[in-house]
Amino acid sequence: MTKADLINMIAEKAGITRVKAETVVNTIFDSMVEALMRDDRIEIRGFGSFVNRYYEAYQGRNPRTGEVINVEEKKLPFFKVGKELKEEINKI
């Protein structure tokens, strides 16, 4: 599913215009990005949670040249699936 598919589905199910549905989707995504930038945890019950994971600096290698490269420390968003969603997906 793409963002456009999500917008179309929300517009159809909620009976609103596509423009209003796009505003809703963009507002939700923007709010989530802002929360992760503040290092807040996002938890959506029954769906999952988003947190930032921290990685220390390390020395890596350029696979093409073999040159040693220093990789700076970084944080990356990580999604953990909720129990209810996991069980729903695995129903037979």
N, C-alpha and C. Protein backbone atom coordinates (compact mmCIF):
# COMPACT_ATOMS: atom_id res chain seq x y z
N MET A 1 0.85 -1.18 0.00
CA MET A 1 0.00 0.00 0.00
C MET A 1 0.89 1.24 0.00
N THR A 2 0.58 2.16 -0.87
CA THR A 2 1.31 3.41 -0.93
C THR A 2 0.56 4.49 -0.14
N LYS A 3 1.22 5.62 0.02
CA LYS A 3 0.59 6.74 0.71
C LYS A 3 -0.67 7.18 -0.04
N ALA A 4 -0.60 7.19 -1.37
CA ALA A 4 -1.76 7.58 -2.18
C ALA A 4 -2.91 6.60 -1.98
N ASP A 5 -2.59 5.30 -1.90
CA ASP A 5 -3.63 4.30 -1.65
C ASP A 5 -4.30 4.53 -0.30
N LEU A 6 -3.48 4.84 0.70
CA LEU A 6 -4.01 5.11 2.04
C LEU A 6 -4.94 6.32 2.03
N ILE A 7 -4.52 7.37 1.35
CA ILE A 7 -5.34 8.59 1.26
C ILE A 7 -6.67 8.28 0.59
N ASN A 8 -6.63 7.54 -0.52
CA ASN A 8 -7.86 7.18 -1.23
C ASN A 8 -8.78 6.33 -0.37
N MET A 9 -8.21 5.39 0.39
CA MET A 9 -9.02 4.52 1.25
C MET A 9 -9.69 5.32 2.37
N ILE A 10 -8.95 6.24 2.98
CA ILE A 10 -9.51 7.06 4.05
C ILE A 10 -10.62 7.95 3.50
N ALA A 11 -10.40 8.55 2.34
CA ALA A 11 -11.40 9.42 1.72
C ALA A 11 -12.69 8.64 1.46
N GLU A 12 -12.53 7.43 0.96
CA GLU A 12 -13.70 6.61 0.63
C GLU A 12 -14.44 6.16 1.89
N LYS A 13 -13.70 5.64 2.87
CA LYS A 13 -14.34 5.11 4.08
C LYS A 13 -14.95 6.20 4.95
N ALA A 14 -14.31 7.36 5.01
CA ALA A 14 -14.79 8.44 5.86
C ALA A 14 -15.79 9.35 5.14
N GLY A 15 -15.89 9.19 3.84
CA GLY A 15 -16.82 10.02 3.08
C GLY A 15 -16.38 11.47 3.02
N ILE A 16 -15.06 11.68 2.92
CA ILE A 16 -14.52 13.04 2.83
C ILE A 16 -13.77 13.18 1.51
N THR A 17 -13.42 14.41 1.19
CA THR A 17 -12.70 14.64 -0.06
C THR A 17 -11.28 14.10 0.05
N ARG A 18 -10.68 13.87 -1.10
CA ARG A 18 -9.30 13.37 -1.12
C ARG A 18 -8.34 14.40 -0.51
N VAL A 19 -8.61 15.66 -0.72
CA VAL A 19 -7.76 16.73 -0.17
C VAL A 19 -7.79 16.70 1.36
N LYS A 20 -8.98 16.53 1.94
CA LYS A 20 -9.08 16.46 3.40
C LYS A 20 -8.39 15.20 3.93
N ALA A 21 -8.56 14.08 3.23
CA ALA A 21 -7.91 12.84 3.65
C ALA A 21 -6.39 12.98 3.59
N GLU A 22 -5.90 13.66 2.56
CA GLU A 22 -4.45 13.88 2.43
C GLU A 22 -3.94 14.74 3.58
N THR A 23 -4.71 15.74 3.98
CA THR A 23 -4.34 16.57 5.12
C THR A 23 -4.25 15.75 6.40
N VAL A 24 -5.20 14.86 6.60
CA VAL A 24 -5.21 13.98 7.77
C VAL A 24 -3.96 13.10 7.79
N VAL A 25 -3.69 12.44 6.68
CA VAL A 25 -2.54 11.54 6.60
C VAL A 25 -1.23 12.31 6.82
N ASN A 26 -1.08 13.45 6.15
CA ASN A 26 0.14 14.24 6.31
C ASN A 26 0.31 14.74 7.74
N THR A 27 -0.77 15.13 8.39
CA THR A 27 -0.71 15.59 9.77
C THR A 27 -0.25 14.46 10.70
N ILE A 28 -0.78 13.27 10.50
CA ILE A 28 -0.38 12.13 11.32
C ILE A 28 1.09 11.82 11.12
N PHE A 29 1.52 11.71 9.86
CA PHE A 29 2.92 11.39 9.59
C PHE A 29 3.86 12.48 10.10
N ASP A 30 3.50 13.75 9.91
CA ASP A 30 4.34 14.85 10.39
C ASP A 30 4.45 14.82 11.92
N SER A 31 3.36 14.51 12.59
CA SER A 31 3.37 14.43 14.05
C SER A 31 4.27 13.29 14.52
N MET A 32 4.23 12.17 13.81
CA MET A 32 5.08 11.04 14.17
C MET A 32 6.56 11.38 13.98
N VAL A 33 6.88 12.04 12.88
CA VAL A 33 8.27 12.44 12.62
C VAL A 33 8.76 13.40 13.71
N GLU A 34 7.93 14.37 14.06
CA GLU A 34 8.30 15.33 15.11
C GLU A 34 8.53 14.63 16.44
N ALA A 35 7.68 13.66 16.77
CA ALA A 35 7.84 12.92 18.03
C ALA A 35 9.15 12.14 18.03
N LEU A 36 9.48 11.49 16.93
CA LEU A 36 10.74 10.75 16.86
C LEU A 36 11.95 11.69 16.90
N MET A 37 11.82 12.87 16.34
CA MET A 37 12.91 13.84 16.40
C MET A 37 13.16 14.30 17.84
N ARG A 38 12.09 14.30 18.66
CA ARG A 38 12.23 14.66 20.08
C ARG A 38 12.62 13.45 20.94
N ASP A 39 12.86 12.31 20.29
CA ASP A 39 13.19 11.05 20.98
C ASP A 39 12.03 10.52 21.80
N ASP A 40 10.81 10.90 21.43
CA ASP A 40 9.62 10.35 22.08
C ASP A 40 9.33 8.97 21.48
N ARG A 41 8.68 8.16 22.26
CA ARG A 41 8.24 6.84 21.79
C ARG A 41 6.81 6.99 21.28
N ILE A 42 6.51 6.34 20.18
CA ILE A 42 5.16 6.35 19.63
C ILE A 42 4.59 4.96 19.83
N GLU A 43 3.46 4.88 20.53
CA GLU A 43 2.83 3.58 20.77
C GLU A 43 1.38 3.63 20.30
N ILE A 44 1.05 2.74 19.38
CA ILE A 44 -0.30 2.63 18.88
C ILE A 44 -0.80 1.25 19.29
N ARG A 45 -1.65 1.22 20.31
CA ARG A 45 -2.14 -0.04 20.88
C ARG A 45 -2.76 -0.92 19.80
N GLY A 46 -2.39 -2.19 19.81
CA GLY A 46 -2.91 -3.14 18.86
C GLY A 46 -2.19 -3.12 17.52
N PHE A 47 -1.30 -2.14 17.30
CA PHE A 47 -0.58 -2.04 16.04
C PHE A 47 0.91 -2.22 16.24
N GLY A 48 1.51 -1.37 17.08
CA GLY A 48 2.95 -1.47 17.33
C GLY A 48 3.50 -0.17 17.89
N SER A 49 4.82 -0.11 17.98
CA SER A 49 5.46 1.08 18.52
C SER A 49 6.70 1.44 17.72
N PHE A 50 7.01 2.72 17.73
CA PHE A 50 8.20 3.25 17.08
C PHE A 50 9.10 3.84 18.15
N VAL A 51 10.38 3.51 18.10
CA VAL A 51 11.38 4.09 19.00
C VAL A 51 12.64 4.35 18.19
N ASN A 52 13.50 5.20 18.72
CA ASN A 52 14.80 5.42 18.11
C ASN A 52 15.80 4.45 18.73
N ARG A 53 16.58 3.81 17.89
CA ARG A 53 17.68 2.97 18.37
C ARG A 53 18.97 3.70 18.08
N TYR A 54 19.88 3.62 19.05
CA TYR A 54 21.15 4.32 18.95
C TYR A 54 22.26 3.35 18.58
N TYR A 55 23.12 3.77 17.67
CA TYR A 55 24.24 2.96 17.22
C TYR A 55 25.53 3.75 17.44
N GLU A 56 26.49 3.10 18.06
CA GLU A 56 27.79 3.73 18.32
C GLU A 56 28.57 3.91 17.02
N ALA A 57 29.55 4.79 17.05
CA ALA A 57 30.44 4.98 15.90
C ALA A 57 31.27 3.71 15.71
N TYR A 58 31.61 3.43 14.48
CA TYR A 58 32.43 2.25 14.19
C TYR A 58 33.20 2.47 12.90
N GLN A 59 34.16 1.57 12.67
CA GLN A 59 34.92 1.63 11.42
C GLN A 59 34.35 0.60 10.46
N GLY A 60 33.97 1.07 9.28
CA GLY A 60 33.44 0.18 8.25
C GLY A 60 34.39 0.14 7.07
N ARG A 61 34.01 -0.58 6.05
CA ARG A 61 34.82 -0.68 4.84
C ARG A 61 33.98 -0.38 3.61
N ASN A 62 34.62 0.35 2.69
CA ASN A 62 34.01 0.55 1.39
C ASN A 62 34.16 -0.77 0.64
N PRO A 63 33.05 -1.43 0.27
CA PRO A 63 33.16 -2.74 -0.35
C PRO A 63 33.85 -2.71 -1.72
N ARG A 64 33.80 -1.59 -2.38
CA ARG A 64 34.41 -1.50 -3.70
C ARG A 64 35.93 -1.36 -3.62
N THR A 65 36.39 -0.47 -2.71
CA THR A 65 37.83 -0.18 -2.64
C THR A 65 38.52 -0.84 -1.46
N GLY A 66 37.76 -1.28 -0.48
CA GLY A 66 38.36 -1.86 0.73
C GLY A 66 38.86 -0.81 1.69
N GLU A 67 38.67 0.46 1.36
CA GLU A 67 39.13 1.57 2.20
C GLU A 67 38.36 1.58 3.52
N VAL A 68 39.09 1.83 4.63
CA VAL A 68 38.47 1.92 5.94
C VAL A 68 37.78 3.28 6.06
N ILE A 69 36.52 3.25 6.53
CA ILE A 69 35.73 4.47 6.66
C ILE A 69 35.22 4.56 8.10
N ASN A 70 35.31 5.75 8.68
CA ASN A 70 34.76 5.97 10.01
C ASN A 70 33.28 6.34 9.87
N VAL A 71 32.44 5.54 10.48
CA VAL A 71 31.00 5.79 10.46
C VAL A 71 30.63 6.43 11.79
N GLU A 72 30.00 7.60 11.73
CA GLU A 72 29.65 8.32 12.95
C GLU A 72 28.48 7.63 13.67
N GLU A 73 28.34 7.95 14.96
CA GLU A 73 27.19 7.41 15.71
C GLU A 73 25.92 7.95 15.09
N LYS A 74 24.85 7.17 15.24
CA LYS A 74 23.59 7.58 14.63
C LYS A 74 22.43 6.96 15.39
N LYS A 75 21.25 7.49 15.12
CA LYS A 75 20.02 6.90 15.64
C LYS A 75 19.10 6.63 14.46
N LEU A 76 18.42 5.52 14.53
CA LEU A 76 17.50 5.12 13.47
C LEU A 76 16.16 4.73 14.07
N PRO A 77 15.06 5.11 13.41
CA PRO A 77 13.74 4.69 13.89
C PRO A 77 13.59 3.17 13.74
N PHE A 78 12.96 2.56 14.73
CA PHE A 78 12.74 1.11 14.74
C PHE A 78 11.27 0.86 15.06
N PHE A 79 10.64 -0.05 14.31
CA PHE A 79 9.24 -0.40 14.52
C PHE A 79 9.16 -1.79 15.14
N LYS A 80 8.39 -1.91 16.21
CA LYS A 80 8.15 -3.21 16.84
C LYS A 80 6.67 -3.51 16.72
N VAL A 81 6.35 -4.66 16.12
CA VAL A 81 4.97 -5.06 15.89
C VAL A 81 4.28 -5.36 17.21
N GLY A 82 3.02 -4.92 17.34
CA GLY A 82 2.22 -5.19 18.52
C GLY A 82 1.72 -6.63 18.52
N LYS A 83 1.43 -7.13 19.70
CA LYS A 83 0.98 -8.52 19.87
C LYS A 83 -0.29 -8.80 19.07
N GLU A 84 -1.26 -7.90 19.15
CA GLU A 84 -2.54 -8.11 18.46
C GLU A 84 -2.36 -8.18 16.95
N LEU A 85 -1.54 -7.30 16.39
CA LEU A 85 -1.30 -7.31 14.95
C LEU A 85 -0.57 -8.57 14.53
N LYS A 86 0.41 -8.97 15.31
CA LYS A 86 1.16 -10.19 15.02
C LYS A 86 0.23 -11.40 14.99
N GLU A 87 -0.65 -11.48 15.98
CA GLU A 87 -1.60 -12.61 16.03
C GLU A 87 -2.59 -12.56 14.87
N GLU A 88 -3.06 -11.37 14.51
CA GLU A 88 -4.02 -11.22 13.42
C GLU A 88 -3.41 -11.65 12.09
N ILE A 89 -2.17 -11.27 11.85
CA ILE A 89 -1.49 -11.62 10.60
C ILE A 89 -1.26 -13.13 10.50
N ASN A 90 -1.01 -13.78 11.63
CA ASN A 90 -0.69 -15.20 11.62
C ASN A 90 -1.90 -16.12 11.75
N LYS A 91 -3.11 -15.57 11.69
CA LYS A 91 -4.32 -16.41 11.73
C LYS A 91 -4.38 -17.25 10.46
N ILE A 92 -4.82 -18.45 10.62
CA ILE A 92 -4.94 -19.35 9.44
C ILE A 92 -6.38 -19.55 9.10
